[in-house]
PDB file of N, CA and C in Angstrom:
ATOM      1  N   MET A   1       0.836  -1.182  -0.074  1.00  0.00           N
ATOM      2  CA  MET A   1       0.065   0.067   0.027  1.00  0.00           C
ATOM      3  C   MET A   1       0.970   1.252  -0.014  1.00  0.00           C
ATOM      4  N   LYS A   2       0.455   2.268  -0.754  1.00  0.00           N
ATOM      5  CA  LYS A   2       1.259   3.405  -0.847  1.00  0.00           C
ATOM      6  C   LYS A   2       1.097   4.294   0.594  1.00  0.00           C
ATOM      7  N   GLU A   3       2.248   4.864   0.983  1.00  0.00           N
ATOM      8  CA  GLU A   3       2.106   5.788   2.319  1.00  0.00           C
ATOM      9  C   GLU A   3       2.471   7.246   1.661  1.00  0.00           C
ATOM     10  N   TRP A   4       1.488   8.054   1.931  1.00  0.00           N
ATOM     11  CA  TRP A   4       1.635   9.537   1.613  1.00  0.00           C
ATOM     12  C   TRP A   4       1.907  10.335   2.838  1.00  0.00           C
ATOM     13  N   THR A   5       2.353  11.556   2.652  1.00  0.00           N
ATOM     14  CA  THR A   5       2.629  12.545   3.608  1.00  0.00           C
ATOM     15  C   THR A   5       1.737  13.693   3.398  1.00  0.00           C
ATOM     16  N   MET A   6       1.107  14.125   4.516  1.00  0.00           N
ATOM     17  CA  MET A   6       0.042  15.404   4.296  1.00  0.00           C
ATOM     18  C   MET A   6       0.957  16.705   4.640  1.00  0.00           C
ATOM     19  N   ILE A   7       0.554  17.685   3.994  1.00  0.00           N
ATOM     20  CA  ILE A   7       1.109  18.963   4.267  1.00  0.00           C
ATOM     21  C   ILE A   7       0.114  19.836   4.842  1.00  0.00           C
ATOM     22  N   GLU A   8       0.524  20.377   6.070  1.00  0.00           N
ATOM     23  CA  GLU A   8      -0.525  21.344   6.671  1.00  0.00           C
ATOM     24  C   GLU A   8       0.041  22.642   6.721  1.00  0.00           C
ATOM     25  N   LEU A   9      -0.667  23.623   6.131  1.00  0.00           N
ATOM     26  CA  LEU A   9      -0.330  25.043   6.068  1.00  0.00           C
ATOM     27  C   LEU A   9      -1.218  25.899   6.973  1.00  0.00           C
ATOM     28  N   GLN A  10      -0.683  27.060   7.486  1.00  0.00           N
ATOM     29  CA  GLN A  10      -1.671  27.913   8.173  1.00  0.00           C
ATOM     30  C   GLN A  10      -2.177  28.950   7.075  1.00  0.00           C
ATOM     31  N   GLY A  11      -3.430  29.153   6.992  1.00  0.00           N
ATOM     32  CA  GLY A  11      -3.875  30.006   5.855  1.00  0.00           C
ATOM     33  C   GLY A  11      -4.477  29.310   4.877  1.00  0.00           C
ATOM     34  N   SER A  12      -4.485  29.837   3.619  1.00  0.00           N
ATOM     35  CA  SER A  12      -4.952  29.267   2.389  1.00  0.00           C
ATOM     36  C   SER A  12      -4.089  29.521   1.224  1.00  0.00           C
ATOM     37  N   LEU A  13      -4.209  28.733   0.258  1.00  0.00           N
ATOM     38  CA  LEU A  13      -3.442  28.974  -1.100  1.00  0.00           C
ATOM     39  C   LEU A  13      -4.415  29.697  -2.070  1.00  0.00           C
ATOM     40  N   GLU A  14      -4.193  30.682  -2.674  1.00  0.00           N
ATOM     41  CA  GLU A  14      -4.961  31.382  -3.668  1.00  0.00           C
ATOM     42  C   GLU A  14      -4.328  31.408  -4.982  1.00  0.00           C
ATOM     43  N   SER A  15      -5.102  31.130  -6.070  1.00  0.00           N
ATOM     44  CA  SER A  15      -4.559  31.180  -7.356  1.00  0.00           C
ATOM     45  C   SER A  15      -5.499  31.796  -8.404  1.00  0.00           C
ATOM     46  N   SER A  16      -4.958  32.387  -9.414  1.00  0.00           N
ATOM     47  CA  SER A  16      -5.865  32.870 -10.386  1.00  0.00           C
ATOM     48  C   SER A  16      -6.221  31.791 -11.417  1.00  0.00           C
ATOM     49  N   SER A  17      -5.563  30.587 -11.409  1.00  0.00           N
ATOM     50  CA  SER A  17      -5.770  29.502 -12.286  1.00  0.00           C
ATOM     51  C   SER A  17      -6.160  28.303 -11.678  1.00  0.00           C
ATOM     52  N   GLU A  18      -6.504  27.202 -12.294  1.00  0.00           N
ATOM     53  CA  GLU A  18      -6.737  26.029 -11.771  1.00  0.00           C
ATOM     54  C   GLU A  18      -5.523  25.311 -11.302  1.00  0.00           C
ATOM     55  N   LEU A  19      -5.420  24.686 -10.139  1.00  0.00           N
ATOM     56  CA  LEU A  19      -4.136  24.091  -9.640  1.00  0.00           C
ATOM     57  C   LEU A  19      -4.088  22.523  -9.752  1.00  0.00           C
ATOM     58  N   SER A  20      -5.119  21.955 -10.274  1.00  0.00           N
ATOM     59  CA  SER A  20      -5.182  20.638 -10.426  1.00  0.00           C
ATOM     60  C   SER A  20      -4.102  20.103 -11.288  1.00  0.00           C
ATOM     61  N   GLY A  21      -3.190  19.208 -10.934  1.00  0.00           N
ATOM     62  CA  GLY A  21      -2.129  18.674 -11.675  1.00  0.00           C
ATOM     63  C   GLY A  21      -0.972  19.551 -11.851  1.00  0.00           C
ATOM     64  N   GLN A  22      -0.869  20.682 -11.231  1.00  0.00           N
ATOM     65  CA  GLN A  22       0.075  21.724 -11.448  1.00  0.00           C
ATOM     66  C   GLN A  22       1.046  21.624 -10.252  1.00  0.00           C
ATOM     67  N   THR A  23       2.279  21.950 -10.453  1.00  0.00           N
ATOM     68  CA  THR A  23       3.321  22.118  -9.481  1.00  0.00           C
ATOM     69  C   THR A  23       2.994  23.511  -8.622  1.00  0.00           C
ATOM     70  N   ILE A  24       2.872  23.322  -7.381  1.00  0.00           N
ATOM     71  CA  ILE A  24       2.544  24.587  -6.604  1.00  0.00           C
ATOM     72  C   ILE A  24       3.676  25.185  -5.849  1.00  0.00           C
ATOM     73  N   GLY A  25       4.878  24.274  -5.808  1.00  0.00           N
ATOM     74  CA  GLY A  25       5.977  24.832  -5.024  1.00  0.00           C
ATOM     75  C   GLY A  25       7.013  23.796  -4.999  1.00  0.00           C
ATOM     76  N   ILE A  26       8.154  24.074  -4.397  1.00  0.00           N
ATOM     77  CA  ILE A  26       9.404  23.142  -4.267  1.00  0.00           C
ATOM     78  C   ILE A  26       9.598  22.989  -2.863  1.00  0.00           C
ATOM     79  N   LEU A  27       9.647  21.742  -2.427  1.00  0.00           N
ATOM     80  CA  LEU A  27       9.793  21.175  -1.226  1.00  0.00           C
ATOM     81  C   LEU A  27      11.200  20.553  -0.978  1.00  0.00           C
ATOM     82  N   THR A  28      11.978  21.222  -0.038  1.00  0.00           N
ATOM     83  CA  THR A  28      13.386  20.703   0.113  1.00  0.00           C
ATOM     84  C   THR A  28      13.521  20.456   1.606  1.00  0.00           C
ATOM     85  N   TRP A  29      14.504  19.618   1.830  1.00  0.00           N
ATOM     86  CA  TRP A  29      14.954  19.194   3.294  1.00  0.00           C
ATOM     87  C   TRP A  29      16.388  19.605   3.542  1.00  0.00           C
ATOM     88  N   GLU A  30      16.508  20.127   4.994  1.00  0.00           N
ATOM     89  CA  GLU A  30      17.853  20.388   5.332  1.00  0.00           C
ATOM     90  C   GLU A  30      17.844  19.905   6.800  1.00  0.00           C
ATOM     91  N   ILE A  31      18.442  18.725   6.957  1.00  0.00           N
ATOM     92  CA  ILE A  31      18.594  18.040   8.289  1.00  0.00           C
ATOM     93  C   ILE A  31      17.066  17.699   8.671  1.00  0.00           C
ATOM     94  N   ASP A  32      16.616  18.160   9.736  1.00  0.00           N
ATOM     95  CA  ASP A  32      15.307  17.753  10.156  1.00  0.00           C
ATOM     96  C   ASP A  32      14.257  18.956   9.933  1.00  0.00           C
ATOM     97  N   LYS A  33      14.594  19.904   9.048  1.00  0.00           N
ATOM     98  CA  LYS A  33      13.613  21.020   8.672  1.00  0.00           C
ATOM     99  C   LYS A  33      13.237  20.773   7.278  1.00  0.00           C
ATOM    100  N   ALA A  34      11.945  21.186   7.005  1.00  0.00           N
ATOM    101  CA  ALA A  34      11.433  21.127   5.596  1.00  0.00           C
ATOM    102  C   ALA A  34      11.240  22.680   5.256  1.00  0.00           C
ATOM    103  N   TYR A  35      11.519  22.962   3.937  1.00  0.00           N
ATOM    104  CA  TYR A  35      11.337  24.254   3.338  1.00  0.00           C
ATOM    105  C   TYR A  35      10.446  24.231   2.079  1.00  0.00           C
ATOM    106  N   PHE A  36       9.516  25.029   2.137  1.00  0.00           N
ATOM    107  CA  PHE A  36       8.550  25.006   1.115  1.00  0.00           C
ATOM    108  C   PHE A  36       8.528  26.176   0.329  1.00  0.00           C
ATOM    109  N   LEU A  37       8.948  26.382  -0.856  1.00  0.00           N
ATOM    110  CA  LEU A  37       8.959  27.522  -1.665  1.00  0.00           C
ATOM    111  C   LEU A  37       7.731  27.691  -2.534  1.00  0.00           C
ATOM    112  N   ILE A  38       6.948  28.587  -2.353  1.00  0.00           N
ATOM    113  CA  ILE A  38       5.644  28.791  -3.165  1.00  0.00           C
ATOM    114  C   ILE A  38       5.748  30.203  -3.740  1.00  0.00           C
ATOM    115  N   GLY A  39       5.967  30.387  -5.036  1.00  0.00           N
ATOM    116  CA  GLY A  39       6.014  31.710  -5.571  1.00  0.00           C
ATOM    117  C   GLY A  39       7.116  32.400  -4.970  1.00  0.00           C
ATOM    118  N   HIS A  40       6.796  33.668  -4.298  1.00  0.00           N
ATOM    119  CA  HIS A  40       7.816  34.504  -3.782  1.00  0.00           C
ATOM    120  C   HIS A  40       7.754  34.295  -2.218  1.00  0.00           C
ATOM    121  N   HIS A  41       7.366  33.255  -1.688  1.00  0.00           N
ATOM    122  CA  HIS A  41       7.279  32.977  -0.231  1.00  0.00           C
ATOM    123  C   HIS A  41       7.973  31.744   0.114  1.00  0.00           C
ATOM    124  N   ILE A  42       8.598  31.568   1.411  1.00  0.00           N
ATOM    125  CA  ILE A  42       9.301  30.369   1.761  1.00  0.00           C
ATOM    126  C   ILE A  42       8.552  30.066   3.187  1.00  0.00           C
ATOM    127  N   LEU A  43       8.240  28.811   3.282  1.00  0.00           N
ATOM    128  CA  LEU A  43       7.756  28.342   4.710  1.00  0.00           C
ATOM    129  C   LEU A  43       8.782  27.313   5.388  1.00  0.00           C
ATOM    130  N   GLU A  44       8.988  27.262   6.482  1.00  0.00           N
ATOM    131  CA  GLU A  44       9.733  26.483   7.235  1.00  0.00           C
ATOM    132  C   GLU A  44       8.846  25.543   8.169  1.00  0.00           C
ATOM    133  N   GLY A  45       8.970  24.142   8.020  1.00  0.00           N
ATOM    134  CA  GLY A  45       8.266  23.304   8.865  1.00  0.00           C
ATOM    135  C   GLY A  45       9.064  22.132   9.278  1.00  0.00           C
ATOM    136  N   LYS A  46       8.322  21.037   9.872  1.00  0.00           N
ATOM    137  CA  LYS A  46       8.853  19.897  10.385  1.00  0.00           C
ATOM    138  C   LYS A  46       8.042  18.712  10.207  1.00  0.00           C
ATOM    139  N   LEU A  47       8.666  17.553  10.205  1.00  0.00           N
ATOM    140  CA  LEU A  47       7.893  16.304   9.851  1.00  0.00           C
ATOM    141  C   LEU A  47       7.360  15.794  11.260  1.00  0.00           C
ATOM    142  N   THR A  48       6.023  15.661  11.364  1.00  0.00           N
ATOM    143  CA  THR A  48       5.524  15.063  12.617  1.00  0.00           C
ATOM    144  C   THR A  48       4.616  13.885  12.347  1.00  0.00           C
ATOM    145  N   LYS A  49       4.512  12.999  13.455  1.00  0.00           N
ATOM    146  CA  LYS A  49       3.750  11.796  13.296  1.00  0.00           C
ATOM    147  C   LYS A  49       2.264  12.146  13.587  1.00  0.00           C
ATOM    148  N   LEU A  50       1.401  11.675  12.855  1.00  0.00           N
ATOM    149  CA  LEU A  50      -0.163  11.979  13.180  1.00  0.00           C
ATOM    150  C   LEU A  50      -0.590  10.942  14.393  1.00  0.00           C
ATOM    151  N   GLU A  51      -1.483  11.474  15.199  1.00  0.00           N
ATOM    152  CA  GLU A  51      -1.884  10.612  16.344  1.00  0.00           C
ATOM    153  C   GLU A  51      -2.747   9.511  15.873  1.00  0.00           C
ATOM    154  N   LYS A  52      -3.695   9.758  14.866  1.00  0.00           N
ATOM    155  CA  LYS A  52      -4.333   8.572  14.091  1.00  0.00           C
ATOM    156  C   LYS A  52      -4.056   8.739  12.732  1.00  0.00           C
ATOM    157  N   PRO A  53      -3.805   7.706  11.980  1.00  0.00           N
ATOM    158  CA  PRO A  53      -3.514   7.741  10.495  1.00  0.00           C
ATOM    159  C   PRO A  53      -4.927   8.033   9.745  1.00  0.00           C
ATOM    160  N   PHE A  54      -4.725   8.482   8.569  1.00  0.00           N
ATOM    161  CA  PHE A  54      -5.772   8.807   7.657  1.00  0.00           C
ATOM    162  C   PHE A  54      -5.739   7.701   6.599  1.00  0.00           C
ATOM    163  N   ILE A  55      -6.725   7.381   5.917  1.00  0.00           N
ATOM    164  CA  ILE A  55      -6.701   6.553   4.673  1.00  0.00           C
ATOM    165  C   ILE A  55      -7.218   7.366   3.581  1.00  0.00           C
ATOM    166  N   VAL A  56      -6.807   7.181   2.375  1.00  0.00           N
ATOM    167  CA  VAL A  56      -7.199   7.858   1.191  1.00  0.00           C
ATOM    168  C   VAL A  56      -7.973   6.974   0.316  1.00  0.00           C
ATOM    169  N   LEU A  57      -9.219   7.347   0.151  1.00  0.00           N
ATOM    170  CA  LEU A  57     -10.093   6.445  -0.775  1.00  0.00           C
ATOM    171  C   LEU A  57     -10.268   6.977  -2.029  1.00  0.00           C
ATOM    172  N   SER A  58     -10.600   5.990  -3.062  1.00  0.00           N
ATOM    173  CA  SER A  58     -10.795   6.443  -4.372  1.00  0.00           C
ATOM    174  C   SER A  58     -12.127   5.785  -4.815  1.00  0.00           C
ATOM    175  N   LYS A  59     -13.092   6.362  -5.475  1.00  0.00           N
ATOM    176  CA  LYS A  59     -14.206   5.759  -5.867  1.00  0.00           C
ATOM    177  C   LYS A  59     -14.286   5.098  -7.051  1.00  0.00           C
ATOM    178  N   ASN A  60     -14.727   3.845  -7.286  1.00  0.00           N
ATOM    179  CA  ASN A  60     -14.756   3.140  -8.538  1.00  0.00           C
ATOM    180  C   ASN A  60     -16.271   3.434  -9.086  1.00  0.00           C
ATOM    181  N   GLU A  61     -16.300   4.188 -10.203  1.00  0.00           N
ATOM    182  CA  GLU A  61     -17.591   4.547 -10.703  1.00  0.00           C
ATOM    183  C   GLU A  61     -18.328   3.396 -11.305  1.00  0.00           C
ATOM    184  N   GLN A  62     -17.606   2.430 -11.618  1.00  0.00           N
ATOM    185  CA  GLN A  62     -18.337   1.148 -12.294  1.00  0.00           C
ATOM    186  C   GLN A  62     -18.935   0.264 -11.169  1.00  0.00           C
ATOM    187  N   THR A  63     -18.366   0.024 -10.084  1.00  0.00           N
ATOM    188  CA  THR A  63     -18.792  -0.809  -9.169  1.00  0.00           C
ATOM    189  C   THR A  63     -19.365  -0.160  -7.888  1.00  0.00           C
ATOM    190  N   TYR A  64     -19.251   1.241  -7.859  1.00  0.00           N
ATOM    191  CA  TYR A  64     -19.657   2.006  -6.699  1.00  0.00           C
ATOM    192  C   TYR A  64     -19.058   1.609  -5.445  1.00  0.00           C
ATOM    193  N   CYS A  65     -17.890   1.030  -5.454  1.00  0.00           N
ATOM    194  CA  CYS A  65     -17.065   0.737  -4.146  1.00  0.00           C
ATOM    195  C   CYS A  65     -16.015   1.743  -4.093  1.00  0.00           C
ATOM    196  N   ASN A  66     -15.447   1.938  -2.963  1.00  0.00           N
ATOM    197  CA  ASN A  66     -14.388   2.618  -2.613  1.00  0.00           C
ATOM    198  C   ASN A  66     -13.148   1.797  -2.398  1.00  0.00           C
ATOM    199  N   ASN A  67     -12.106   2.155  -2.914  1.00  0.00           N
ATOM    200  CA  ASN A  67     -10.835   1.460  -2.821  1.00  0.00           C
ATOM    201  C   ASN A  67      -9.887   2.252  -1.906  1.00  0.00           C
ATOM    202  N   ILE A  68      -9.000   1.513  -1.153  1.00  0.00           N
ATOM    203  CA  ILE A  68      -8.158   2.215  -0.423  1.00  0.00           C
ATOM    204  C   ILE A  68      -6.843   2.429  -1.346  1.00  0.00           C
ATOM    205  N   THR A  69      -6.577   3.864  -1.436  1.00  0.00           N
ATOM    206  CA  THR A  69      -5.488   4.245  -2.226  1.00  0.00           C
ATOM    207  C   THR A  69      -4.070   4.364  -1.601  1.00  0.00           C
ATOM    208  N   ALA A  70      -4.157   4.948  -0.461  1.00  0.00           N
ATOM    209  CA  ALA A  70      -3.030   5.134   0.380  1.00  0.00           C
ATOM    210  C   ALA A  70      -3.289   5.357   1.737  1.00  0.00           C
ATOM    211  N   ILE A  71      -2.263   5.337   2.638  1.00  0.00           N
ATOM    212  CA  ILE A  71      -2.414   5.665   4.135  1.00  0.00           C
ATOM    213  C   ILE A  71      -1.369   6.852   4.410  1.00  0.00           C
ATOM    214  N   ILE A  72      -1.892   7.581   5.369  1.00  0.00           N
ATOM    215  CA  ILE A  72      -1.179   8.833   5.755  1.00  0.00           C
ATOM    216  C   ILE A  72      -0.886   8.749   7.136  1.00  0.00           C
ATOM    217  N   ARG A  73       0.394   8.576   7.575  1.00  0.00           N
ATOM    218  CA  ARG A  73       0.800   8.455   8.900  1.00  0.00           C
ATOM    219  C   ARG A  73       1.643   9.669   9.447  1.00  0.00           C
ATOM    220  N   LYS A  74       2.154  10.441   8.539  1.00  0.00           N
ATOM    221  CA  LYS A  74       2.946  11.589   8.999  1.00  0.00           C
ATOM    222  C   LYS A  74       2.431  12.956   8.160  1.00  0.00           C
ATOM    223  N   LYS A  75       2.759  14.053   8.794  1.00  0.00           N
ATOM    224  CA  LYS A  75       2.494  15.411   8.126  1.00  0.00           C
ATOM    225  C   LYS A  75       3.705  16.385   8.301  1.00  0.00           C
ATOM    226  N   ILE A  76       3.872  17.129   7.280  1.00  0.00           N
ATOM    227  CA  ILE A  76       4.763  18.212   7.372  1.00  0.00           C
ATOM    228  C   ILE A  76       3.971  19.367   7.773  1.00  0.00           C
ATOM    229  N   LEU A  77       4.285  19.891   9.008  1.00  0.00           N
ATOM    230  CA  LEU A  77       3.640  20.929   9.642  1.00  0.00           C
ATOM    231  C   LEU A  77       4.375  22.323   9.405  1.00  0.00           C
ATOM    232  N   PHE A  78       3.762  23.177   8.821  1.00  0.00           N
ATOM    233  CA  PHE A  78       4.316  24.600   8.546  1.00  0.00           C
ATOM    234  C   PHE A  78       3.391  25.494   9.474  1.00  0.00           C
ATOM    235  N   ARG A  79       4.001  25.862  10.740  1.00  0.00           N
ATOM    236  CA  ARG A  79       3.314  26.646  11.747  1.00  0.00           C
ATOM    237  C   ARG A  79       3.473  28.081  11.482  1.00  0.00           C
ATOM    238  N   MET A  80       4.554  28.547  10.909  1.00  0.00           N
ATOM    239  CA  MET A  80       4.894  29.992  10.972  1.00  0.00           C
ATOM    240  C   MET A  80       4.256  30.517   9.703  1.00  0.00           C
ATOM    241  N   ARG A  81       4.181  31.979   9.775  1.00  0.00           N
ATOM    242  CA  ARG A  81       3.647  32.553   8.512  1.00  0.00           C
ATOM    243  C   ARG A  81       4.827  32.562   7.415  1.00  0.00           C
ATOM    244  N   PRO A  82       4.543  32.536   6.162  1.00  0.00           N
ATOM    245  CA  PRO A  82       5.493  32.500   5.112  1.00  0.00           C
ATOM    246  C   PRO A  82       6.267  33.676   5.253  1.00  0.00           C
ATOM    247  N   LYS A  83       7.617  33.661   4.739  1.00  0.00           N
ATOM    248  CA  LYS A  83       8.500  34.772   4.739  1.00  0.00           C
ATOM    249  C   LYS A  83       8.664  35.175   3.287  1.00  0.00           C
ATOM    250  N   PRO A  84       8.839  36.409   2.946  1.00  0.00           N
ATOM    251  CA  PRO A  84       8.979  36.804   1.481  1.00  0.00           C
ATOM    252  C   PRO A  84      10.270  36.460   1.110  1.00  0.00           C
ATOM    253  N   VAL A  85      10.488  36.031  -0.165  1.00  0.00           N
ATOM    254  CA  VAL A  85      11.804  35.887  -0.829  1.00  0.00           C
ATOM    255  C   VAL A  85      12.037  36.913  -1.652  1.00  0.00           C
ATOM    256  N   VAL A  86      13.087  37.709  -1.550  1.00  0.00           N
ATOM    257  CA  VAL A  86      13.505  38.897  -2.418  1.00  0.00           C
ATOM    258  C   VAL A  86      14.711  38.580  -3.136  1.00  0.00           C
ATOM    259  N   LEU A  87      14.769  38.581  -4.431  1.00  0.00           N
ATOM    260  CA  LEU A  87      15.903  38.285  -5.281  1.00  0.00           C
ATOM    261  C   LEU A  87      16.398  39.592  -5.730  1.00  0.00           C
ATOM    262  N   LEU A  88      17.836  39.715  -5.444  1.00  0.00           N
ATOM    263  CA  LEU A  88      18.601  40.849  -5.744  1.00  0.00           C
ATOM    264  C   LEU A  88      19.162  40.706  -7.251  1.00  0.00           C
ATOM    265  N   GLN A  89      18.839  41.706  -7.926  1.00  0.00           N
ATOM    266  CA  GLN A  89      19.390  41.566  -9.418  1.00  0.00           C
ATOM    267  C   GLN A  89      20.773  42.404  -9.350  1.00  0.00           C
ATOM    268  N   GLN A  90      21.817  41.765 -10.076  1.00  0.00           N
ATOM    269  CA  GLN A  90      23.038  42.278 -10.026  1.00  0.00           C
ATOM    270  C   GLN A  90      23.473  42.842 -11.403  1.00  0.00           C
TER     271      GLN A  90
END
């Protein structure tokens, strides 16, 4: 069974276009910290274990049954507000 990791953000993501299937940011790791670059903002977070795991279900339209797609046992928690990223042109 696939194991996925959930991302928890404070606030909401807003976009002027459809996000389905699109890359919304770049997630990188440095020792035990996660960094998520979204547009001109960077968030710092950490990996935590969920108290109770979640399962991800997908619906089969032909049989009207639900299939277990994945299980989520961990989340990357971004508690702080995003910091702006400013690029200096030389």
